[in-house]
């Protein structure tokens, strides 16, 4: 099974738009890319498109970008063990 992460928004140009699809295993972490005004970016450590890829179109200020990066990074951490036992009646 191949698991992928899709980078959005679409890149728009004269010929329309494109969408980049990355393997989830290539994703290293998320971060805020500047100090005052910033965008949230995904940082890919491996694969054909290594580097930073923005996930928000506009630069903004405030705490939202750090919360976005923190939420993505928490999701990327190793998952907790899954309890696969059926519920007791």
Protein backbone atom coordinates (compact mmCIF):
# COMPACT_ATOMS: atom_id res chain seq x y z
CA UNK A 1 0.00 0.00 0.00
CA UNK A 2 1.38 3.42 -0.94
CA UNK A 3 0.48 6.24 1.41
CA UNK A 4 0.79 9.75 0.01
CA UNK A 5 0.50 13.26 1.32
CA UNK A 6 -0.87 15.88 -1.05
CA UNK A 7 0.49 19.40 -0.97
CA UNK A 8 -2.15 22.08 -1.40
CA UNK A 9 -3.01 24.72 -2.57
CA UNK A 10 -2.63 24.20 -6.28
CA UNK A 11 0.07 26.09 -8.14
CA UNK A 12 -1.61 28.26 -10.76
CA UNK A 13 -0.06 29.53 -13.97
CA UNK A 14 -1.05 30.35 -17.56
CA UNK A 15 -1.54 26.67 -18.37
CA UNK A 16 -3.89 26.05 -15.45
CA UNK A 17 -2.89 24.46 -12.17
CA UNK A 18 -0.85 21.59 -10.84
CA UNK A 19 -0.86 19.50 -7.72
CA UNK A 20 2.22 17.93 -6.18
CA UNK A 21 1.94 14.53 -4.49
CA UNK A 22 4.63 13.39 -2.06
CA UNK A 23 5.14 10.07 -0.28
CA UNK A 24 4.21 10.53 3.37
CA UNK A 25 7.50 8.89 4.36
CA UNK A 26 9.39 11.80 2.72
CA UNK A 27 7.79 14.36 5.07
CA UNK A 28 10.11 15.38 7.89
CA UNK A 29 8.21 18.11 9.75
CA UNK A 30 6.24 21.34 9.47
CA UNK A 31 7.37 24.79 10.47
CA UNK A 32 6.69 28.52 10.24
CA UNK A 33 9.01 29.93 7.55
CA UNK A 34 9.73 33.46 8.92
CA UNK A 35 9.47 35.53 12.09
CA UNK A 36 7.03 38.46 11.75
CA UNK A 37 4.84 37.59 8.79
CA UNK A 38 5.08 33.99 7.70
CA UNK A 39 3.59 30.97 5.98
CA UNK A 40 3.30 27.40 7.18
CA UNK A 41 5.57 25.04 5.26
CA UNK A 42 6.06 21.28 5.06
CA UNK A 43 9.70 20.23 5.07
CA UNK A 44 10.45 17.15 2.96
CA UNK A 45 13.75 15.52 3.93
CA UNK A 46 13.72 12.85 1.22
CA UNK A 47 12.39 12.27 -2.28
CA UNK A 48 12.53 14.11 -5.57
CA UNK A 49 11.23 17.40 -4.17
CA UNK A 50 13.26 17.85 -1.00
CA UNK A 51 12.93 21.20 0.71
CA UNK A 52 10.22 23.48 2.00
CA UNK A 53 6.77 23.54 0.42
CA UNK A 54 4.23 26.15 1.60
CA UNK A 55 0.82 24.96 2.71
CA UNK A 56 -0.68 28.44 3.08
CA UNK A 57 -0.88 30.89 0.18
CA UNK A 58 -0.40 34.14 2.05
CA UNK A 59 2.02 35.46 4.64
CA UNK A 60 0.21 36.29 7.87
CA UNK A 61 1.06 37.20 11.45
CA UNK A 62 -0.18 35.79 14.73
CA UNK A 63 -0.08 32.46 16.58
CA UNK A 64 -2.08 30.40 14.06
CA UNK A 65 0.94 29.33 11.99
CA UNK A 66 2.78 27.92 15.00
CA UNK A 67 -0.38 26.06 16.03
CA UNK A 68 -0.65 24.60 12.51
CA UNK A 69 2.98 23.44 12.55
CA UNK A 70 2.64 22.04 16.09
CA UNK A 71 -0.51 20.09 15.13
CA UNK A 72 1.13 18.60 12.03
CA UNK A 73 4.28 17.69 13.95
CA UNK A 74 2.23 16.04 16.72
CA UNK A 75 0.41 14.00 14.08
CA UNK A 76 3.71 12.94 12.51
CA UNK A 77 5.12 11.57 15.79
CA UNK A 78 5.19 7.82 16.23
CA UNK A 79 1.65 6.57 16.77
CA UNK A 80 0.56 5.14 20.09
CA UNK A 81 -0.05 1.39 20.20
CA UNK A 82 -3.48 0.41 18.92
CA UNK A 83 -5.68 -1.70 21.16
CA UNK A 84 -6.99 -4.32 18.75
CA UNK A 85 -8.95 -6.32 21.33
CA UNK A 86 -12.70 -6.39 20.74
CA UNK A 87 -14.85 -4.51 23.24
CA UNK A 88 -16.12 -6.52 26.21
CA UNK A 89 -19.85 -7.09 26.47
